[in-house]
Amino acid sequence: SKAIFDLFIAMFLAIYFLADKDRLRNGFSRLLKRLLKAENYKAFAGFWERCNSILIRYIAFDIIDGIIVGVANFIFMSIFGIPYSVLISLVVGVTNLAPTFGPIVGAIIGGFILVLVNPLHALWFIIFTIVLQTIDGYILKPKLFGGSLGVPGVWILISIVVGSRILGVTGILLAIPFAAIVDFIYHDLIFRETRKKEELEKLERQKSENK
């Protein structure tokens, strides 16, 4: 129950920060201008804008993924005549926004509603949920997030597992954007600087050899 409570609190906080993002960003920007030098602020602002873009793309594609899962669940329930298809599909789609843990919550809520009406319907719903979440977790989500954020699917899966072990629900919610930001830091900052140093050293060696 505590985990479910934490999940909904995290969702409400995310909605609050998104609604007030412009004011928060402007305030944070003014604070950094006072604390950092002009050249340092420019570099940090570029880094922050890239991180902000990653988070926005993650949220957008997470919503798309939730819609796809919710619609697929609705189609299945409608075909097999399972009641409360709209309500349960809405719950499944919303809880799917939280990777790994969210689908379990959606399955428990939907199964509990259906078992009170028809245990056989609940069984079919659970079986379909397992199949759907397997496809979503191992095929759709890595392809969707990996392609949109430029992160290999395997790193997304590792980040979700590690994030859930370290920070629980919060770690699960932050796992995918964190993986994208770390990948960006490595390739665009660390790796790029390393390549520049290697190229400079190569030029220096060539100059010394030509002398």
Protein backbone atom coordinates (compact mmCIF):
# COMPACT_ATOMS: atom_id res chain seq x y z
CA SER A 1 0.00 0.00 0.00
CA LYS A 2 2.89 2.35 0.74
CA ALA A 3 4.34 1.72 -2.71
CA ILE A 4 1.00 2.54 -4.37
CA PHE A 5 0.75 5.72 -2.27
CA ASP A 6 4.30 6.73 -3.28
CA LEU A 7 3.46 6.09 -6.93
CA PHE A 8 0.47 8.44 -6.91
CA ILE A 9 2.37 11.08 -4.92
CA ALA A 10 5.16 10.95 -7.52
CA MET A 11 2.62 11.36 -10.33
CA PHE A 12 0.96 14.36 -8.65
CA LEU A 13 4.36 15.99 -8.02
CA ALA A 14 5.33 15.45 -11.66
CA ILE A 15 2.09 17.10 -12.83
CA TYR A 16 2.64 20.02 -10.43
CA PHE A 17 6.22 20.63 -11.60
CA LEU A 18 5.17 20.40 -15.25
CA ALA A 19 2.36 22.91 -14.72
CA ASP A 20 4.74 25.35 -13.02
CA LYS A 21 7.84 24.54 -15.08
CA ASP A 22 8.23 27.97 -16.73
CA ARG A 23 8.28 29.89 -13.44
CA LEU A 24 10.62 27.36 -11.83
CA ARG A 25 12.97 27.41 -14.82
CA ASN A 26 13.09 31.22 -14.92
CA GLY A 27 13.79 31.43 -11.20
CA PHE A 28 16.52 28.81 -11.42
CA SER A 29 18.04 30.61 -14.41
CA ARG A 30 18.21 33.94 -12.55
CA LEU A 31 19.85 32.23 -9.58
CA LEU A 32 22.52 30.61 -11.78
CA LYS A 33 23.30 33.92 -13.50
CA ARG A 34 24.15 35.37 -10.11
CA LEU A 35 26.23 32.40 -9.00
CA LEU A 36 28.16 31.54 -12.20
CA LYS A 37 30.41 33.42 -14.57
CA ALA A 38 29.05 34.24 -18.02
CA GLU A 39 30.99 31.51 -19.86
CA ASN A 40 30.22 28.90 -17.19
CA TYR A 41 26.54 29.87 -17.22
CA LYS A 42 26.39 29.51 -21.01
CA ALA A 43 27.90 26.02 -20.86
CA PHE A 44 25.62 24.94 -18.03
CA ALA A 45 22.57 26.44 -19.76
CA GLY A 46 23.28 24.35 -22.87
CA PHE A 47 23.65 21.23 -20.76
CA TRP A 48 20.44 22.01 -18.85
CA GLU A 49 18.47 22.61 -22.06
CA ARG A 50 19.59 19.23 -23.41
CA CYS A 51 18.54 17.51 -20.16
CA ASN A 52 15.21 19.35 -20.27
CA SER A 53 14.67 18.18 -23.86
CA ILE A 54 15.41 14.58 -22.84
CA LEU A 55 12.88 14.75 -19.99
CA ILE A 56 10.17 16.28 -22.21
CA ARG A 57 10.68 13.61 -24.89
CA TYR A 58 10.62 10.90 -22.23
CA ILE A 59 7.32 12.15 -20.79
CA ALA A 60 5.78 12.46 -24.27
CA PHE A 61 6.75 8.94 -25.35
CA ASP A 62 5.80 7.52 -21.96
CA ILE A 63 2.29 8.91 -22.46
CA ILE A 64 2.19 7.45 -25.99
CA ASP A 65 3.25 4.06 -24.60
CA GLY A 66 0.54 4.25 -21.94
CA ILE A 67 -2.08 5.07 -24.59
CA ILE A 68 -0.97 2.13 -26.77
CA VAL A 69 -1.17 -0.29 -23.83
CA GLY A 70 -4.54 1.09 -22.69
CA VAL A 71 -6.04 0.86 -26.19
CA ALA A 72 -4.72 -2.68 -26.68
CA ASN A 73 -6.24 -3.70 -23.35
CA PHE A 74 -9.58 -2.10 -24.30
CA ILE A 75 -9.65 -3.93 -27.66
CA PHE A 76 -8.96 -7.26 -25.96
CA MET A 77 -11.64 -6.77 -23.31
CA SER A 78 -14.18 -5.59 -25.86
CA ILE A 79 -13.59 -8.57 -28.16
CA PHE A 80 -14.02 -11.09 -25.34
CA GLY A 81 -16.96 -9.24 -23.78
CA ILE A 82 -15.21 -8.54 -20.46
CA PRO A 83 -17.07 -5.86 -18.44
CA TYR A 84 -15.67 -2.53 -17.21
CA SER A 85 -13.42 -2.38 -20.27
CA VAL A 86 -13.21 1.44 -20.33
CA LEU A 87 -12.53 1.83 -16.60
CA ILE A 88 -9.95 -0.96 -16.38
CA SER A 89 -8.20 0.07 -19.61
CA LEU A 90 -7.93 3.62 -18.28
CA VAL A 91 -6.38 2.32 -15.06
CA VAL A 92 -3.99 0.08 -17.02
CA GLY A 93 -2.93 2.96 -19.29
CA VAL A 94 -2.32 5.40 -16.42
CA THR A 95 -0.43 2.97 -14.20
CA ASN A 96 1.67 1.92 -17.19
CA LEU A 97 3.31 5.36 -17.06
CA ALA A 98 5.46 4.00 -14.22
CA PRO A 99 7.76 1.35 -15.73
CA THR A 100 8.03 -2.12 -14.15
CA PHE A 101 5.98 -1.40 -11.01
CA GLY A 102 3.05 0.45 -12.62
CA PRO A 103 1.79 -2.45 -14.76
CA ILE A 104 1.70 -4.68 -11.66
CA VAL A 105 -0.53 -2.15 -9.90
CA GLY A 106 -2.80 -1.96 -12.96
CA ALA A 107 -3.06 -5.75 -13.14
CA ILE A 108 -3.92 -6.01 -9.43
CA ILE A 109 -6.62 -3.33 -9.61
CA GLY A 110 -8.15 -4.72 -12.83
CA GLY A 111 -7.99 -8.31 -11.60
CA PHE A 112 -9.59 -7.38 -8.29
CA ILE A 113 -12.51 -5.63 -10.03
CA LEU A 114 -13.10 -8.55 -12.41
CA VAL A 115 -12.78 -11.34 -9.85
CA LEU A 116 -15.79 -9.87 -8.05
CA VAL A 117 -17.84 -10.16 -11.26
CA ASN A 118 -16.47 -13.26 -13.00
CA PRO A 119 -13.28 -15.07 -11.89
CA LEU A 120 -12.83 -16.49 -15.40
CA HIS A 121 -12.74 -12.97 -16.84
CA ALA A 122 -10.16 -12.04 -14.22
CA LEU A 123 -8.02 -15.00 -15.22
CA TRP A 124 -8.12 -14.08 -18.92
CA PHE A 125 -7.34 -10.47 -18.06
CA ILE A 126 -4.28 -11.46 -16.00
CA ILE A 127 -3.01 -13.78 -18.75
CA PHE A 128 -3.42 -11.08 -21.39
CA THR A 129 -1.75 -8.50 -19.11
CA ILE A 130 1.30 -10.75 -18.70
CA VAL A 131 1.58 -11.20 -22.48
CA LEU A 132 0.99 -7.50 -23.18
CA GLN A 133 3.48 -6.31 -20.57
CA THR A 134 6.09 -8.77 -21.83
CA ILE A 135 5.74 -7.35 -25.32
CA ASP A 136 5.70 -3.78 -23.99
CA GLY A 137 8.62 -4.22 -21.61
CA TYR A 138 10.98 -6.14 -23.89
CA ILE A 139 10.00 -4.94 -27.38
CA LEU A 140 7.84 -1.80 -27.52
CA LYS A 141 9.26 0.26 -24.64
CA PRO A 142 12.98 -0.29 -25.41
CA LYS A 143 12.37 0.43 -29.10
CA LEU A 144 10.21 3.46 -28.38
CA PHE A 145 12.40 5.04 -25.71
CA GLY A 146 15.68 3.84 -27.16
CA GLY A 147 14.83 5.25 -30.57
CA SER A 148 13.45 8.55 -29.26
CA LEU A 149 16.16 9.20 -26.67
CA GLY A 150 19.07 7.61 -28.50
CA VAL A 151 19.78 5.11 -25.72
CA PRO A 152 20.31 1.38 -26.36
CA GLY A 153 17.40 -0.73 -25.10
CA VAL A 154 19.65 -2.84 -22.91
CA TRP A 155 20.78 0.23 -20.95
CA ILE A 156 17.16 1.18 -20.36
CA LEU A 157 16.42 -2.26 -18.92
CA ILE A 158 19.52 -2.13 -16.69
CA SER A 159 18.62 1.37 -15.49
CA ILE A 160 15.11 0.28 -14.52
CA VAL A 161 16.41 -2.69 -12.53
CA VAL A 162 19.15 -0.69 -10.78
CA GLY A 163 16.86 2.30 -10.14
CA SER A 164 14.19 0.12 -8.56
CA ARG A 165 16.75 -1.53 -6.27
CA ILE A 166 18.30 1.76 -5.12
CA LEU A 167 15.38 4.22 -4.93
CA GLY A 168 12.28 2.03 -5.24
CA VAL A 169 9.37 3.72 -7.02
CA THR A 170 11.30 6.98 -7.45
CA GLY A 171 14.16 5.10 -9.06
CA ILE A 172 11.78 3.37 -11.46
CA LEU A 173 10.23 6.69 -12.52
CA LEU A 174 13.64 8.32 -13.06
CA ALA A 175 15.45 5.31 -14.57
CA ILE A 176 14.85 5.99 -18.27
CA PRO A 177 15.55 9.75 -18.33
CA PHE A 178 18.56 9.17 -16.07
CA ALA A 179 19.93 6.61 -18.54
CA ALA A 180 19.42 9.10 -21.39
CA ILE A 181 21.17 11.91 -19.50
CA VAL A 182 24.12 9.68 -18.55
CA ASP A 183 24.41 8.54 -22.18
CA PHE A 184 24.37 12.18 -23.31
CA ILE A 185 27.04 13.17 -20.75
CA TYR A 186 29.28 10.31 -21.86
CA HIS A 187 28.97 10.75 -25.63
CA ASP A 188 28.60 14.54 -25.93
CA LEU A 189 30.85 15.67 -23.08
CA ILE A 190 33.35 13.07 -21.86
CA PHE A 191 33.81 11.09 -25.09
CA ARG A 192 33.97 14.24 -27.22
CA GLU A 193 36.62 15.80 -24.99
CA THR A 194 38.60 12.56 -25.02
CA ARG A 195 38.50 12.48 -28.82
CA LYS A 196 39.68 16.10 -28.98
CA LYS A 197 42.63 15.32 -26.70
CA GLU A 198 43.52 12.26 -28.77
CA GLU A 199 43.39 14.28 -32.00
CA LEU A 200 45.57 17.03 -30.51
CA GLU A 201 48.11 14.47 -29.30
CA LYS A 202 48.12 12.87 -32.74
CA LEU A 203 48.76 16.25 -34.39
CA GLU A 204 51.56 16.99 -31.94
CA ARG A 205 53.20 13.64 -32.70
CA GLN A 206 52.93 14.25 -36.44
CA LYS A 207 54.52 17.69 -36.06
CA SER A 208 57.39 16.29 -34.01
CA GLU A 209 57.95 13.50 -36.56
CA ASN A 210 58.02 15.99 -39.45
CA LYS A 211 60.69 18.13 -37.79
